[in-house]
N, C-alpha and C. Protein backbone atom coordinates (compact mmCIF):
# COMPACT_ATOMS: atom_id res chain seq x y z
N MET A 1 41.26 14.80 -9.30
CA MET A 1 41.17 13.45 -10.22
C MET A 1 41.67 12.50 -9.93
N THR A 2 41.01 11.09 -10.32
CA THR A 2 41.82 9.83 -9.15
C THR A 2 43.18 9.26 -10.31
N ASN A 3 43.41 8.71 -9.79
CA ASN A 3 44.62 7.49 -10.14
C ASN A 3 43.82 6.43 -10.96
N TYR A 4 42.63 6.38 -10.81
CA TYR A 4 41.47 5.08 -11.13
C TYR A 4 41.17 5.85 -12.50
N PRO A 5 41.52 5.15 -13.65
CA PRO A 5 40.51 5.35 -14.34
C PRO A 5 38.92 5.38 -15.19
N ILE A 6 38.20 6.55 -15.41
CA ILE A 6 37.31 6.43 -15.15
C ILE A 6 36.58 6.17 -16.95
N PRO A 7 35.92 5.17 -17.24
CA PRO A 7 36.00 4.62 -18.29
C PRO A 7 35.39 5.50 -19.26
N THR A 8 34.94 5.35 -20.33
CA THR A 8 34.39 6.07 -21.37
C THR A 8 32.85 5.35 -21.77
N VAL A 9 32.05 6.21 -22.61
CA VAL A 9 31.19 5.66 -22.78
C VAL A 9 31.16 4.37 -23.77
N ILE A 10 31.81 4.64 -24.64
CA ILE A 10 32.40 2.85 -25.29
C ILE A 10 32.55 2.38 -24.40
N ASP A 11 33.21 2.24 -23.39
CA ASP A 11 33.61 1.24 -22.10
C ASP A 11 32.24 0.82 -21.62
N VAL A 12 31.06 1.64 -21.29
CA VAL A 12 30.46 1.38 -20.55
C VAL A 12 29.41 0.55 -21.41
N LEU A 13 29.32 0.67 -22.59
CA LEU A 13 28.97 0.21 -23.52
C LEU A 13 29.21 -0.90 -23.84
N ALA A 14 30.58 -1.77 -23.84
CA ALA A 14 31.20 -2.68 -24.01
C ALA A 14 30.41 -3.51 -23.43
N LYS A 15 31.01 -3.18 -21.78
CA LYS A 15 30.58 -3.61 -20.26
C LYS A 15 29.00 -4.38 -20.82
N ILE A 16 27.93 -3.34 -20.96
CA ILE A 16 26.78 -3.29 -20.59
C ILE A 16 26.29 -4.91 -21.58
N LYS A 17 27.28 -4.91 -22.90
CA LYS A 17 26.79 -5.89 -23.98
C LYS A 17 27.04 -7.11 -23.67
N ALA A 18 28.24 -7.05 -22.33
CA ALA A 18 29.44 -8.56 -22.35
C ALA A 18 28.37 -8.96 -20.63
N GLU A 19 27.94 -7.93 -20.41
CA GLU A 19 27.62 -8.35 -18.99
C GLU A 19 25.80 -8.17 -18.62
N VAL A 20 24.71 -7.48 -19.37
CA VAL A 20 23.69 -7.55 -18.92
C VAL A 20 22.99 -7.91 -19.99
N GLU A 21 21.89 -9.01 -19.20
CA GLU A 21 20.80 -9.62 -19.88
C GLU A 21 19.60 -8.53 -20.25
N ASP A 22 18.67 -8.98 -20.10
CA ASP A 22 17.02 -8.26 -20.32
C ASP A 22 16.58 -7.80 -19.13
N GLU A 23 17.68 -6.61 -18.33
CA GLU A 23 16.95 -5.78 -17.12
C GLU A 23 17.16 -4.54 -17.10
N GLU A 24 16.57 -3.97 -16.03
CA GLU A 24 16.81 -2.73 -15.49
C GLU A 24 18.07 -2.99 -15.07
N PHE A 25 19.07 -1.60 -14.74
CA PHE A 25 19.93 -1.33 -14.43
C PHE A 25 20.49 0.33 -14.25
N THR A 26 21.78 0.61 -13.10
CA THR A 26 21.93 1.84 -12.91
C THR A 26 23.08 1.41 -13.37
N LEU A 27 24.07 2.51 -13.75
CA LEU A 27 25.50 2.58 -13.87
C LEU A 27 26.41 2.15 -13.01
N ARG A 28 25.96 2.58 -12.05
CA ARG A 28 26.52 1.89 -10.45
C ARG A 28 26.86 0.97 -10.63
N ASP A 29 25.48 -0.04 -11.22
CA ASP A 29 25.39 -1.64 -10.70
C ASP A 29 26.60 -2.29 -12.13
N LEU A 30 26.84 -1.66 -12.60
CA LEU A 30 27.74 -2.44 -13.51
C LEU A 30 29.72 -2.46 -12.87
N TYR A 31 29.54 -1.88 -11.74
CA TYR A 31 31.10 -1.87 -11.35
C TYR A 31 30.75 -2.62 -9.81
N SER A 32 31.93 -3.04 -9.10
CA SER A 32 31.70 -2.98 -8.13
C SER A 32 32.02 -1.91 -7.05
N THR A 33 31.23 -1.83 -6.03
CA THR A 33 31.78 -0.68 -4.74
C THR A 33 32.53 -0.13 -5.00
N ILE A 34 34.08 -0.62 -5.24
CA ILE A 34 35.32 -0.15 -4.63
C ILE A 34 35.24 0.44 -5.76
N THR A 35 35.03 -0.54 -7.06
CA THR A 35 35.74 0.28 -7.80
C THR A 35 34.84 2.13 -8.35
N TRP A 36 33.49 1.92 -7.75
CA TRP A 36 32.84 3.36 -8.03
C TRP A 36 33.27 4.13 -7.25
N ASN A 37 33.52 3.32 -6.29
CA ASN A 37 34.00 4.89 -4.67
C ASN A 37 35.08 5.28 -5.08
N ARG A 38 36.15 4.68 -5.76
CA ARG A 38 37.31 5.34 -6.20
C ARG A 38 37.40 6.82 -7.07
N TRP A 39 36.22 6.80 -8.02
CA TRP A 39 35.66 7.48 -9.15
C TRP A 39 35.45 8.77 -8.08
N ASP A 40 35.76 9.77 -8.10
CA ASP A 40 35.63 11.36 -7.58
C ASP A 40 33.92 11.44 -8.16
N LYS A 41 33.27 11.88 -7.03
CA LYS A 41 31.65 12.23 -7.54
C LYS A 41 31.13 13.03 -8.78
N SER A 42 31.85 14.07 -9.11
CA SER A 42 32.13 14.99 -10.24
C SER A 42 32.67 13.99 -11.44
N GLU A 43 33.24 12.67 -11.31
CA GLU A 43 33.74 11.93 -12.30
C GLU A 43 32.40 11.02 -12.70
N ARG A 44 31.58 10.65 -11.37
CA ARG A 44 30.87 9.54 -11.84
C ARG A 44 29.43 10.50 -12.68
N LEU A 45 29.26 11.09 -11.91
CA LEU A 45 28.50 12.87 -12.44
C LEU A 45 28.21 12.52 -13.77
N ASN A 46 29.99 13.07 -14.15
CA ASN A 46 30.15 13.52 -15.50
C ASN A 46 29.85 12.31 -16.43
N LEU A 47 29.99 11.29 -15.99
CA LEU A 47 30.28 9.94 -17.07
C LEU A 47 28.70 9.38 -16.94
N GLY A 48 27.91 9.81 -15.99
CA GLY A 48 26.40 9.36 -16.17
C GLY A 48 26.11 10.35 -16.95
N ARG A 49 26.11 11.52 -17.22
CA ARG A 49 25.38 12.80 -18.15
C ARG A 49 25.75 12.11 -19.42
N PHE A 50 26.56 12.08 -19.84
CA PHE A 50 27.61 11.78 -20.84
C PHE A 50 26.73 10.52 -21.38
N PHE A 51 26.48 9.50 -20.41
CA PHE A 51 26.29 8.07 -21.10
C PHE A 51 24.63 8.51 -21.36
N TYR A 52 23.70 8.74 -20.44
CA TYR A 52 22.37 9.51 -20.90
C TYR A 52 22.17 10.15 -21.77
N HIS A 53 22.85 11.14 -22.07
CA HIS A 53 23.09 11.89 -23.21
C HIS A 53 23.31 11.31 -24.70
N HIS A 54 24.40 9.92 -24.67
CA HIS A 54 24.89 9.54 -25.78
C HIS A 54 24.02 8.33 -25.67
N VAL A 55 22.99 7.67 -25.16
CA VAL A 55 22.27 6.67 -25.63
C VAL A 55 20.55 7.33 -25.80
N LYS A 56 20.11 8.75 -25.40
CA LYS A 56 19.30 8.91 -25.33
C LYS A 56 19.49 9.92 -27.23
N ASN A 57 20.03 9.92 -27.42
CA ASN A 57 20.28 10.50 -28.74
C ASN A 57 20.31 9.52 -29.99
N LEU A 58 20.53 8.45 -29.61
CA LEU A 58 21.14 7.51 -30.40
C LEU A 58 19.77 7.48 -31.84
N GLN A 59 19.96 7.95 -33.08
CA GLN A 59 18.99 6.89 -33.82
C GLN A 59 18.37 5.74 -34.21
N PRO A 60 17.18 5.55 -34.37
CA PRO A 60 16.97 3.99 -34.88
C PRO A 60 17.76 3.03 -35.83
N GLY A 61 17.60 2.06 -35.69
CA GLY A 61 18.53 1.26 -36.53
C GLY A 61 20.41 1.42 -36.34
N ASP A 62 20.70 2.44 -35.41
CA ASP A 62 21.72 2.55 -35.06
C ASP A 62 22.30 1.07 -34.07
N PRO A 63 23.84 0.86 -34.30
CA PRO A 63 23.89 -0.74 -33.52
C PRO A 63 24.41 -0.33 -32.42
N ALA A 64 24.39 0.66 -31.59
CA ALA A 64 24.58 0.95 -30.35
C ALA A 64 23.40 1.20 -29.18
N ARG A 65 22.02 1.30 -30.57
CA ARG A 65 20.60 1.21 -29.59
C ARG A 65 20.93 0.10 -29.19
N PHE A 66 21.18 -0.39 -28.28
CA PHE A 66 20.77 -1.86 -27.48
C PHE A 66 20.62 -1.34 -25.85
N VAL A 67 20.51 -0.35 -25.94
CA VAL A 67 20.35 0.26 -24.18
C VAL A 67 19.59 1.78 -24.24
N VAL A 68 18.40 1.86 -23.47
CA VAL A 68 17.48 2.93 -23.50
C VAL A 68 17.12 3.47 -21.96
N PRO A 69 17.36 4.70 -22.34
CA PRO A 69 16.60 5.44 -20.19
C PRO A 69 15.72 4.84 -20.00
N THR A 70 15.04 4.46 -18.74
CA THR A 70 13.53 4.14 -18.64
C THR A 70 12.78 5.08 -17.80
N ARG A 71 13.39 5.20 -16.36
CA ARG A 71 12.91 6.21 -15.57
C ARG A 71 14.26 6.07 -14.25
N LYS A 72 13.61 6.38 -13.22
CA LYS A 72 14.71 7.34 -12.45
C LYS A 72 14.14 6.18 -11.21
N ASN A 73 15.14 5.85 -10.26
CA ASN A 73 14.82 5.34 -9.08
C ASN A 73 14.47 5.84 -8.06
N SER A 74 14.32 5.12 -6.62
CA SER A 74 14.39 6.35 -5.54
C SER A 74 15.34 7.37 -5.52
N ALA A 75 16.34 6.59 -5.65
CA ALA A 75 17.00 7.71 -5.74
C ALA A 75 17.77 8.73 -6.19
N HIS A 76 16.73 9.02 -7.40
CA HIS A 76 17.00 9.47 -8.41
C HIS A 76 18.04 9.67 -9.45
N GLN A 77 18.29 8.00 -8.96
CA GLN A 77 19.56 7.51 -9.96
C GLN A 77 18.73 7.49 -11.38
N GLN A 78 19.57 7.61 -12.61
CA GLN A 78 18.49 6.78 -13.86
C GLN A 78 18.57 5.30 -13.98
N MET A 79 17.47 5.14 -14.37
CA MET A 79 17.55 3.60 -14.88
C MET A 79 17.52 3.44 -16.24
N TYR A 80 18.20 2.48 -16.57
CA TYR A 80 18.19 1.99 -18.22
C TYR A 80 17.99 0.74 -18.57
N LYS A 81 17.42 0.23 -20.09
CA LYS A 81 17.20 -1.22 -19.95
C LYS A 81 17.94 -1.47 -21.24
N ARG A 82 18.55 -2.88 -21.26
CA ARG A 82 19.01 -3.11 -22.26
C ARG A 82 17.80 -4.13 -22.98
N ILE A 83 17.75 -3.65 -24.12
CA ILE A 83 16.78 -4.38 -25.29
C ILE A 83 16.82 -4.90 -26.21
N ASP A 84 16.34 -5.97 -26.61
CA ASP A 84 16.71 -6.82 -27.59
C ASP A 84 16.58 -6.34 -29.16
N ILE A 85 17.56 -6.37 -29.95
CA ILE A 85 17.48 -5.68 -31.13
C ILE A 85 16.53 -7.03 -32.64
N HIS A 86 15.95 -6.85 -32.68
CA HIS A 86 15.46 -8.09 -33.76
C HIS A 86 15.75 -7.34 -35.26
N VAL A 87 16.83 -7.68 -35.84
CA VAL A 87 16.33 -7.57 -37.34
C VAL A 87 16.48 -8.38 -38.10
N ASP A 88 15.30 -8.41 -38.68
CA ASP A 88 14.48 -9.52 -39.74
C ASP A 88 15.05 -9.24 -41.40
């Protein structure tokens, strides 16, 4: 374990809501290189796994369903996209 707290899935969703527009991104894109590298590789992998399963399993209509997994990039990292939810 590191001395630097790893964010929770809820923390990541809040960061996405505050900082990401309608674009594709990886979880690594959300954090500075220094911050990202402070976390052990196993912690980063677990965060990615938990986050992927969380957003993949959100039901339609769930207010947290503003992020969707899209594809893997050339580095085999999961890409996500923030989507605009219109409620009429």
